[in-house]
Amino acid sequence: YPNIEVGMRAVTGTIDDPVSTNETMEFYNGKWDFNLYLAYLQYNAMSQGLMLTGGMVANPWLHTDLVWDSDVTFTGLAGSWHFLNNDEKVLRMWDPFITAGAFPVDEINQVKFGMESESIPEDKWLYGVQFGTHVNLHDQSRLSAGLAYYHYDNITGERNQPGNDLQDSTAPTFVQKGNTMWDISADGDGTLYGLASEYELLNATVIYDYAGFDPYHVTLTGDLVKNMAFDRDEVNEKFGFDLDDRDFGYQFGVAVGRPGVSEAGN
């Protein structure tokens, strides 16, 4: 099948860390972790500008590391359509596209609860869509811009009621920093924390790759993100005191060098 691709990639690194493939050699003669990084089935019809991918897939979004770490992968289904692609083998100046995806973030094991209850947490999901374009310029420079919307479903932590731990699974299994967390343990002893806010992110990304100094490139990036679902009153009610708004982020960058490392000295 000429339009079907199957791919796998294995890496070392800590199994429970989704944003790093680094292997820390800290134990004498210790064994390395070895796990799947990518495992996907892809349908490619690039003559029509269409691509569909399912499984553990590479990051499908135009992005910087403001929102997505460079090592993160996604498990689920993603697809993209480049509107102007057709059977004509012509490099077009404008390359508009739309990308969409649905990814399970955390599947809740309903069996362990052993009963039907409205208080049982629901599976966590991420849904995303991005509209954008690449602009191919005459000197092999390229301007890329995208506007994305990421919607997280059932991502907020819920407090346990006295005498049960039904809401334990609403706590994230992996955290880094930067998000407001609140104590969801039944007795408020600080043993379990969940996300305090809903997350619906509006993300604007611009990347300009200037190739006029070939083989060296100058890359300018700008990235803005706002959490449209942040409700200050709702979050403050969970804490019992007033918190500042923390719903906006930005990043600007400049990089100079070769676009790829292919030999010593690059």
C-alpha atoms as a PDB file:
ATOM      1  CA  TYR A   1       0.000   0.000   0.000  1.00  0.00           C
ATOM      2  CA  PRO A   2       1.936   3.041  -1.232  1.00  0.00           C
ATOM      3  CA  ASN A   3       0.081   5.543   0.978  1.00  0.00           C
ATOM      4  CA  ILE A   4       0.449   3.598   4.243  1.00  0.00           C
ATOM      5  CA  GLU A   5       3.388   4.027   6.609  1.00  0.00           C
ATOM      6  CA  VAL A   6       4.114   2.149   9.823  1.00  0.00           C
ATOM      7  CA  GLY A   7       6.692   3.655  12.169  1.00  0.00           C
ATOM      8  CA  MET A   8       8.319   2.847  15.497  1.00  0.00           C
ATOM      9  CA  ARG A   9      11.070   4.504  17.504  1.00  0.00           C
ATOM     10  CA  ALA A  10      12.626   3.321  20.763  1.00  0.00           C
ATOM     11  CA  VAL A  11      14.568   5.488  23.202  1.00  0.00           C
ATOM     12  CA  THR A  12      16.250   5.283  26.562  1.00  0.00           C
ATOM     13  CA  GLY A  13      15.036   7.455  29.393  1.00  0.00           C
ATOM     14  CA  THR A  14      12.847   7.433  32.483  1.00  0.00           C
ATOM     15  CA  ILE A  15       9.627   5.578  31.701  1.00  0.00           C
ATOM     16  CA  ASP A  16       7.302   7.842  33.716  1.00  0.00           C
ATOM     17  CA  ASP A  17       8.701  11.130  32.338  1.00  0.00           C
ATOM     18  CA  PRO A  18       6.804  12.140  29.155  1.00  0.00           C
ATOM     19  CA  VAL A  19       9.026  15.146  28.361  1.00  0.00           C
ATOM     20  CA  SER A  20      12.535  13.701  28.486  1.00  0.00           C
ATOM     21  CA  THR A  21      14.433  10.881  26.789  1.00  0.00           C
ATOM     22  CA  ASN A  22      17.548  11.517  28.900  1.00  0.00           C
ATOM     23  CA  GLU A  23      19.111   8.547  30.675  1.00  0.00           C
ATOM     24  CA  THR A  24      20.899   9.553  33.885  1.00  0.00           C
ATOM     25  CA  MET A  25      23.819   7.171  34.477  1.00  0.00           C
ATOM     26  CA  GLU A  26      23.796   7.479  38.253  1.00  0.00           C
ATOM     27  CA  PHE A  27      23.913   3.841  39.369  1.00  0.00           C
ATOM     28  CA  TYR A  28      26.958   1.616  39.109  1.00  0.00           C
ATOM     29  CA  ASN A  29      26.259  -1.036  36.446  1.00  0.00           C
ATOM     30  CA  GLY A  30      22.581  -0.067  36.515  1.00  0.00           C
ATOM     31  CA  LYS A  31      20.317  -1.148  33.663  1.00  0.00           C
ATOM     32  CA  TRP A  32      18.960   1.401  31.236  1.00  0.00           C
ATOM     33  CA  ASP A  33      15.242   1.897  30.701  1.00  0.00           C
ATOM     34  CA  PHE A  34      14.256   1.144  27.124  1.00  0.00           C
ATOM     35  CA  ASN A  35      10.794   2.073  25.850  1.00  0.00           C
ATOM     36  CA  LEU A  36       8.724   3.098  22.851  1.00  0.00           C
ATOM     37  CA  TYR A  37       8.781   6.754  21.872  1.00  0.00           C
ATOM     38  CA  LEU A  38       6.763   6.447  18.645  1.00  0.00           C
ATOM     39  CA  ALA A  39       4.493   3.664  17.351  1.00  0.00           C
ATOM     40  CA  TYR A  40       2.060   4.753  14.673  1.00  0.00           C
ATOM     41  CA  LEU A  41       0.103   3.908  11.537  1.00  0.00           C
ATOM     42  CA  GLN A  42      -0.062   6.737   8.999  1.00  0.00           C
ATOM     43  CA  TYR A  43      -2.098   7.318   5.845  1.00  0.00           C
ATOM     44  CA  ASN A  44      -0.355   9.732   3.488  1.00  0.00           C
ATOM     45  CA  ALA A  45      -2.020  11.246   0.438  1.00  0.00           C
ATOM     46  CA  MET A  46       0.284  14.220  -0.021  1.00  0.00           C
ATOM     47  CA  SER A  47      -0.867  14.756  -3.604  1.00  0.00           C
ATOM     48  CA  GLN A  48      -4.160  15.831  -2.004  1.00  0.00           C
ATOM     49  CA  GLY A  49      -2.418  17.354   1.018  1.00  0.00           C
ATOM     50  CA  LEU A  50      -4.006  14.899   3.473  1.00  0.00           C
ATOM     51  CA  MET A  51      -2.317  12.976   6.275  1.00  0.00           C
ATOM     52  CA  LEU A  52      -3.909  10.889   9.066  1.00  0.00           C
ATOM     53  CA  THR A  53      -1.885   9.329  11.895  1.00  0.00           C
ATOM     54  CA  GLY A  54      -2.959   7.097  14.790  1.00  0.00           C
ATOM     55  CA  GLY A  55      -1.082   5.590  17.724  1.00  0.00           C
ATOM     56  CA  MET A  56       1.808   7.158  19.591  1.00  0.00           C
ATOM     57  CA  VAL A  57       2.527  10.037  17.219  1.00  0.00           C
ATOM     58  CA  ALA A  58       5.019  12.867  16.875  1.00  0.00           C
ATOM     59  CA  ASN A  59       3.932  16.376  17.826  1.00  0.00           C
ATOM     60  CA  PRO A  60       1.542  17.447  15.029  1.00  0.00           C
ATOM     61  CA  TRP A  61       1.387  21.144  15.938  1.00  0.00           C
ATOM     62  CA  LEU A  62       3.368  24.162  14.785  1.00  0.00           C
ATOM     63  CA  HIS A  63       4.858  25.123  18.145  1.00  0.00           C
ATOM     64  CA  THR A  64       7.715  26.355  20.305  1.00  0.00           C
ATOM     65  CA  ASP A  65       8.561  25.011  23.753  1.00  0.00           C
ATOM     66  CA  LEU A  66       6.339  27.622  25.430  1.00  0.00           C
ATOM     67  CA  VAL A  67       3.406  25.173  25.292  1.00  0.00           C
ATOM     68  CA  TRP A  68       4.913  21.855  24.144  1.00  0.00           C
ATOM     69  CA  ASP A  69       8.234  20.399  25.233  1.00  0.00           C
ATOM     70  CA  SER A  70      10.357  19.361  22.247  1.00  0.00           C
ATOM     71  CA  ASP A  71      10.409  15.707  23.413  1.00  0.00           C
ATOM     72  CA  VAL A  72       6.698  15.232  24.073  1.00  0.00           C
ATOM     73  CA  THR A  73       4.703  12.773  21.943  1.00  0.00           C
ATOM     74  CA  PHE A  74       0.942  12.245  21.734  1.00  0.00           C
ATOM     75  CA  THR A  75      -1.141   9.072  21.906  1.00  0.00           C
ATOM     76  CA  GLY A  76      -4.324   9.217  19.869  1.00  0.00           C
ATOM     77  CA  LEU A  77      -5.414  10.347  16.425  1.00  0.00           C
ATOM     78  CA  ALA A  78      -4.178  13.375  14.455  1.00  0.00           C
ATOM     79  CA  GLY A  79      -4.778  14.610  10.936  1.00  0.00           C
ATOM     80  CA  SER A  80      -3.738  17.513   8.735  1.00  0.00           C
ATOM     81  CA  TRP A  81      -4.911  18.921   5.416  1.00  0.00           C
ATOM     82  CA  HIS A  82      -2.864  21.305   3.267  1.00  0.00           C
ATOM     83  CA  PHE A  83      -5.508  23.048   1.163  1.00  0.00           C
ATOM     84  CA  LEU A  84      -3.501  23.939  -1.938  1.00  0.00           C
ATOM     85  CA  ASN A  85      -1.632  20.650  -2.414  1.00  0.00           C
ATOM     86  CA  ASN A  86      -2.574  18.785  -5.565  1.00  0.00           C
ATOM     87  CA  ASP A  87      -0.983  16.600  -8.213  1.00  0.00           C
ATOM     88  CA  GLU A  88       0.925  19.510  -9.730  1.00  0.00           C
ATOM     89  CA  LYS A  89       4.576  19.308  -8.640  1.00  0.00           C
ATOM     90  CA  VAL A  90       4.849  23.037  -7.969  1.00  0.00           C
ATOM     91  CA  LEU A  91       6.362  24.691  -4.918  1.00  0.00           C
ATOM     92  CA  ARG A  92       3.703  27.185  -3.963  1.00  0.00           C
ATOM     93  CA  MET A  93       4.401  30.372  -2.074  1.00  0.00           C
ATOM     94  CA  TRP A  94       1.430  29.849   0.254  1.00  0.00           C
ATOM     95  CA  ASP A  95       0.837  26.539   2.035  1.00  0.00           C
ATOM     96  CA  PRO A  96      -2.229  26.941   4.310  1.00  0.00           C
ATOM     97  CA  PHE A  97      -3.197  24.017   6.520  1.00  0.00           C
ATOM     98  CA  ILE A  98      -5.512  22.780   9.235  1.00  0.00           C
ATOM     99  CA  THR A  99      -4.473  20.232  11.863  1.00  0.00           C
ATOM    100  CA  ALA A 100      -6.798  18.490  14.325  1.00  0.00           C
ATOM    101  CA  GLY A 101      -6.320  15.811  16.958  1.00  0.00           C
ATOM    102  CA  ALA A 102      -7.947  13.919  19.832  1.00  0.00           C
ATOM    103  CA  PHE A 103      -5.776  12.370  22.532  1.00  0.00           C
ATOM    104  CA  PRO A 104      -6.649  10.508  25.758  1.00  0.00           C
ATOM    105  CA  VAL A 105      -4.617  12.053  28.592  1.00  0.00           C
ATOM    106  CA  ASP A 106      -5.601   9.621  31.367  1.00  0.00           C
ATOM    107  CA  GLU A 107      -7.960   6.651  31.215  1.00  0.00           C
ATOM    108  CA  ILE A 108      -9.716   6.096  34.531  1.00  0.00           C
ATOM    109  CA  ASN A 109      -9.933   2.463  35.642  1.00  0.00           C
ATOM    110  CA  GLN A 110     -13.650   2.183  36.393  1.00  0.00           C
ATOM    111  CA  VAL A 111     -13.346  -1.449  37.550  1.00  0.00           C
ATOM    112  CA  LYS A 112     -11.459  -0.551  40.716  1.00  0.00           C
ATOM    113  CA  PHE A 113     -14.413   1.490  41.999  1.00  0.00           C
ATOM    114  CA  GLY A 114     -16.714  -1.532  41.859  1.00  0.00           C
ATOM    115  CA  MET A 115     -19.892   0.538  41.663  1.00  0.00           C
ATOM    116  CA  GLU A 116     -21.819   3.037  39.575  1.00  0.00           C
ATOM    117  CA  SER A 117     -21.649   6.533  40.926  1.00  0.00           C
ATOM    118  CA  GLU A 118     -21.835  10.059  39.560  1.00  0.00           C
ATOM    119  CA  SER A 119     -18.787  10.886  41.683  1.00  0.00           C
ATOM    120  CA  ILE A 120     -16.498   8.491  39.772  1.00  0.00           C
ATOM    121  CA  PRO A 121     -14.040  10.561  37.710  1.00  0.00           C
ATOM    122  CA  GLU A 122     -14.275  10.517  33.935  1.00  0.00           C
ATOM    123  CA  ASP A 123     -11.465   9.942  31.443  1.00  0.00           C
ATOM    124  CA  LYS A 124      -9.269  12.947  30.691  1.00  0.00           C
ATOM    125  CA  TRP A 125      -8.952  14.067  27.065  1.00  0.00           C
ATOM    126  CA  LEU A 126      -7.169  16.669  24.980  1.00  0.00           C
ATOM    127  CA  TYR A 127      -8.775  17.992  21.791  1.00  0.00           C
ATOM    128  CA  GLY A 128      -6.955  20.414  19.540  1.00  0.00           C
ATOM    129  CA  VAL A 129      -7.303  22.262  16.249  1.00  0.00           C
ATOM    130  CA  GLN A 130      -4.836  24.583  14.532  1.00  0.00           C
ATOM    131  CA  PHE A 131      -5.175  26.814  11.479  1.00  0.00           C
ATOM    132  CA  GLY A 132      -2.021  28.146   9.888  1.00  0.00           C
ATOM    133  CA  THR A 133       0.125  28.648   6.842  1.00  0.00           C
ATOM    134  CA  HIS A 134       3.692  28.363   5.645  1.00  0.00           C
ATOM    135  CA  VAL A 135       4.968  31.055   3.297  1.00  0.00           C
ATOM    136  CA  ASN A 136       7.872  29.936   1.070  1.00  0.00           C
ATOM    137  CA  LEU A 137       9.972  32.967   0.111  1.00  0.00           C
ATOM    138  CA  HIS A 138      12.307  33.406  -2.864  1.00  0.00           C
ATOM    139  CA  ASP A 139      15.599  32.966  -1.011  1.00  0.00           C
ATOM    140  CA  GLN A 140      14.514  29.676   0.659  1.00  0.00           C
ATOM    141  CA  SER A 141      13.453  31.595   3.728  1.00  0.00           C
ATOM    142  CA  ARG A 142      10.173  30.537   5.301  1.00  0.00           C
ATOM    143  CA  LEU A 143       7.528  32.208   7.419  1.00  0.00           C
ATOM    144  CA  SER A 144       5.188  29.956   9.415  1.00  0.00           C
ATOM    145  CA  ALA A 145       2.205  31.078  11.494  1.00  0.00           C
ATOM    146  CA  GLY A 146      -0.489  29.182  13.336  1.00  0.00           C
ATOM    147  CA  LEU A 147      -3.442  29.799  15.643  1.00  0.00           C
ATOM    148  CA  ALA A 148      -4.361  26.817  17.817  1.00  0.00           C
ATOM    149  CA  TYR A 149      -7.077  25.976  20.320  1.00  0.00           C
ATOM    150  CA  TYR A 150      -6.433  23.196  22.854  1.00  0.00           C
ATOM    151  CA  HIS A 151      -9.325  21.969  25.010  1.00  0.00           C
ATOM    152  CA  TYR A 152      -8.719  19.727  28.029  1.00  0.00           C
ATOM    153  CA  ASP A 153     -11.701  17.694  29.251  1.00  0.00           C
ATOM    154  CA  ASN A 154     -12.045  16.556  32.907  1.00  0.00           C
ATOM    155  CA  ILE A 155      -8.550  17.837  33.736  1.00  0.00           C
ATOM    156  CA  THR A 156      -9.357  19.758  36.956  1.00  0.00           C
ATOM    157  CA  GLY A 157      -8.652  18.193  40.343  1.00  0.00           C
ATOM    158  CA  GLU A 158     -11.695  17.397  42.531  1.00  0.00           C
ATOM    159  CA  ARG A 159     -11.520  17.240  46.318  1.00  0.00           C
ATOM    160  CA  ASN A 160     -12.137  13.915  48.060  1.00  0.00           C
ATOM    161  CA  GLN A 161     -14.994  13.664  50.508  1.00  0.00           C
ATOM    162  CA  PRO A 162     -14.189  12.503  54.050  1.00  0.00           C
ATOM    163  CA  GLY A 163     -13.791   8.738  54.217  1.00  0.00           C
ATOM    164  CA  ASN A 164     -13.143   8.013  50.523  1.00  0.00           C
ATOM    165  CA  ASP A 165     -10.511   8.442  47.852  1.00  0.00           C
ATOM    166  CA  LEU A 166     -12.727   8.448  44.735  1.00  0.00           C
ATOM    167  CA  GLN A 167     -11.145  11.644  43.400  1.00  0.00           C
ATOM    168  CA  ASP A 168      -7.506  10.540  43.710  1.00  0.00           C
ATOM    169  CA  SER A 169      -7.339   9.925  39.967  1.00  0.00           C
ATOM    170  CA  THR A 170      -8.229  13.554  39.225  1.00  0.00           C
ATOM    171  CA  ALA A 171      -4.699  14.442  40.352  1.00  0.00           C
ATOM    172  CA  PRO A 172      -2.234  14.528  37.427  1.00  0.00           C
ATOM    173  CA  THR A 173       0.201  11.623  37.217  1.00  0.00           C
ATOM    174  CA  PHE A 174       3.017  13.947  36.098  1.00  0.00           C
ATOM    175  CA  VAL A 175       3.656  17.619  36.904  1.00  0.00           C
ATOM    176  CA  GLN A 176       6.499  20.060  36.349  1.00  0.00           C
ATOM    177  CA  LYS A 177       5.874  23.685  37.293  1.00  0.00           C
ATOM    178  CA  GLY A 178       3.889  26.761  36.375  1.00  0.00           C
ATOM    179  CA  ASN A 179       0.307  25.589  36.974  1.00  0.00           C
ATOM    180  CA  THR A 180      -1.776  26.510  40.018  1.00  0.00           C
ATOM    181  CA  MET A 181      -2.454  23.391  42.124  1.00  0.00           C
ATOM    182  CA  TRP A 182      -4.825  22.912  45.068  1.00  0.00           C
ATOM    183  CA  ASP A 183      -5.068  20.371  47.871  1.00  0.00           C
ATOM    184  CA  ILE A 184      -7.677  17.705  46.996  1.00  0.00           C
ATOM    185  CA  SER A 185      -7.019  15.352  49.935  1.00  0.00           C
ATOM    186  CA  ALA A 186     -10.090  14.761  52.110  1.00  0.00           C
ATOM    187  CA  ASP A 187      -8.513  16.116  55.304  1.00  0.00           C
ATOM    188  CA  GLY A 188      -6.529  18.891  53.623  1.00  0.00           C
ATOM    189  CA  ASP A 189      -3.172  17.539  54.779  1.00  0.00           C
ATOM    190  CA  GLY A 190      -1.374  18.415  51.537  1.00  0.00           C
ATOM    191  CA  THR A 191      -0.733  14.819  50.440  1.00  0.00           C
ATOM    192  CA  LEU A 192      -2.478  15.104  47.054  1.00  0.00           C
ATOM    193  CA  TYR A 193      -2.786  18.019  44.649  1.00  0.00           C
ATOM    194  CA  GLY A 194      -4.836  18.602  41.493  1.00  0.00           C
ATOM    195  CA  LEU A 195      -5.039  21.368  38.921  1.00  0.00           C
ATOM    196  CA  ALA A 196      -7.107  24.275  40.213  1.00  0.00           C
ATOM    197  CA  SER A 197      -8.301  25.615  36.851  1.00  0.00           C
ATOM    198  CA  GLU A 198      -9.910  24.350  33.688  1.00  0.00           C
ATOM    199  CA  TYR A 199      -7.661  24.598  30.618  1.00  0.00           C
ATOM    200  CA  GLU A 200      -8.758  25.882  27.208  1.00  0.00           C
ATOM    201  CA  LEU A 201      -5.690  27.339  25.567  1.00  0.00           C
ATOM    202  CA  LEU A 202      -5.622  29.821  22.678  1.00  0.00           C
ATOM    203  CA  ASN A 203      -2.104  29.760  21.214  1.00  0.00           C
ATOM    204  CA  ALA A 204      -0.627  31.996  18.476  1.00  0.00           C
ATOM    205  CA  THR A 205       2.773  30.984  17.051  1.00  0.00           C
ATOM    206  CA  VAL A 206       4.983  32.704  14.457  1.00  0.00           C
ATOM    207  CA  ILE A 207       8.330  31.329  13.213  1.00  0.00           C
ATOM    208  CA  TYR A 208      10.473  33.119  10.604  1.00  0.00           C
ATOM    209  CA  ASP A 209      13.429  31.179   9.195  1.00  0.00           C
ATOM    210  CA  TYR A 210      15.720  33.572   7.289  1.00  0.00           C
ATOM    211  CA  ALA A 211      18.137  31.751   4.951  1.00  0.00           C
ATOM    212  CA  GLY A 212      19.878  34.769   3.424  1.00  0.00           C
ATOM    213  CA  PHE A 213      23.190  33.873   5.124  1.00  0.00           C
ATOM    214  CA  ASP A 214      23.124  30.269   3.863  1.00  0.00           C
ATOM    215  CA  PRO A 215      24.369  27.826   5.148  1.00  0.00           C
ATOM    216  CA  TYR A 216      23.605  29.723   8.337  1.00  0.00           C
ATOM    217  CA  HIS A 217      20.028  30.539   9.237  1.00  0.00           C
ATOM    218  CA  VAL A 218      18.541  33.140  11.559  1.00  0.00           C
ATOM    219  CA  THR A 219      15.288  31.989  13.151  1.00  0.00           C
ATOM    220  CA  LEU A 220      12.952  34.409  14.913  1.00  0.00           C
ATOM    221  CA  THR A 221      10.091  33.024  17.027  1.00  0.00           C
ATOM    222  CA  GLY A 222       7.144  34.548  18.819  1.00  0.00           C
ATOM    223  CA  ASP A 223       4.597  32.604  20.860  1.00  0.00           C
ATOM    224  CA  LEU A 224       1.574  33.754  22.889  1.00  0.00           C
ATOM    225  CA  VAL A 225      -0.825  31.600  24.913  1.00  0.00           C
ATOM    226  CA  LYS A 226      -3.891  32.431  27.007  1.00  0.00           C
ATOM    227  CA  ASN A 227      -6.013  30.090  29.126  1.00  0.00           C
ATOM    228  CA  MET A 228      -9.541  31.068  28.088  1.00  0.00           C
ATOM    229  CA  ALA A 229     -11.099  28.849  30.791  1.00  0.00           C
ATOM    230  CA  PHE A 230      -9.361  30.452  33.782  1.00  0.00           C
ATOM    231  CA  ASP A 231     -12.050  31.629  36.228  1.00  0.00           C
ATOM    232  CA  ARG A 232     -10.446  33.742  38.938  1.00  0.00           C
ATOM    233  CA  ASP A 233     -13.482  33.635  41.268  1.00  0.00           C
ATOM    234  CA  GLU A 234     -13.775  29.868  40.967  1.00  0.00           C
ATOM    235  CA  VAL A 235     -10.081  29.309  41.664  1.00  0.00           C
ATOM    236  CA  ASN A 236     -10.058  31.762  44.589  1.00  0.00           C
ATOM    237  CA  GLU A 237     -13.015  29.921  46.149  1.00  0.00           C
ATOM    238  CA  LYS A 238     -10.905  26.762  46.300  1.00  0.00           C
ATOM    239  CA  PHE A 239      -8.072  28.553  48.111  1.00  0.00           C
ATOM    240  CA  GLY A 240     -10.123  30.857  50.341  1.00  0.00           C
ATOM    241  CA  PHE A 241      -8.032  33.887  49.399  1.00  0.00           C
ATOM    242  CA  ASP A 242      -7.405  36.066  46.346  1.00  0.00           C
ATOM    243  CA  LEU A 243      -4.904  34.916  43.716  1.00  0.00           C
ATOM    244  CA  ASP A 244      -3.559  36.985  40.856  1.00  0.00           C
ATOM    245  CA  ASP A 245      -4.560  36.093  37.310  1.00  0.00           C
ATOM    246  CA  ARG A 246      -2.127  33.563  35.846  1.00  0.00           C
ATOM    247  CA  ASP A 247      -3.675  32.898  32.471  1.00  0.00           C
ATOM    248  CA  PHE A 248      -1.255  34.395  29.933  1.00  0.00           C
ATOM    249  CA  GLY A 249       2.214  33.414  28.704  1.00  0.00           C
ATOM    250  CA  TYR A 250       4.581  34.625  26.022  1.00  0.00           C
ATOM    251  CA  GLN A 251       7.977  33.789  24.581  1.00  0.00           C
ATOM    252  CA  PHE A 252      10.207  35.438  21.964  1.00  0.00           C
ATOM    253  CA  GLY A 253      13.454  33.986  20.672  1.00  0.00           C
ATOM    254  CA  VAL A 254      16.347  34.277  18.228  1.00  0.00           C
ATOM    255  CA  ALA A 255      18.489  31.363  17.052  1.00  0.00           C
ATOM    256  CA  VAL A 256      21.513  31.559  14.729  1.00  0.00           C
ATOM    257  CA  GLY A 257      23.316  28.609  13.134  1.00  0.00           C
ATOM    258  CA  ARG A 258      22.897  25.720  10.740  1.00  0.00           C
ATOM    259  CA  PRO A 259      19.354  24.344  10.571  1.00  0.00           C
ATOM    260  CA  GLY A 260      20.643  20.776  11.070  1.00  0.00           C
ATOM    261  CA  VAL A 261      23.693  19.060  12.549  1.00  0.00           C
ATOM    262  CA  SER A 262      25.163  16.747   9.896  1.00  0.00           C
ATOM    263  CA  GLU A 263      28.917  16.858  10.547  1.00  0.00           C
ATOM    264  CA  ALA A 264      31.520  17.955  13.087  1.00  0.00           C
ATOM    265  CA  GLY A 265      31.672  21.708  13.544  1.00  0.00           C
ATOM    266  CA  ASN A 266      28.034  22.411  12.659  1.00  0.00           C
END
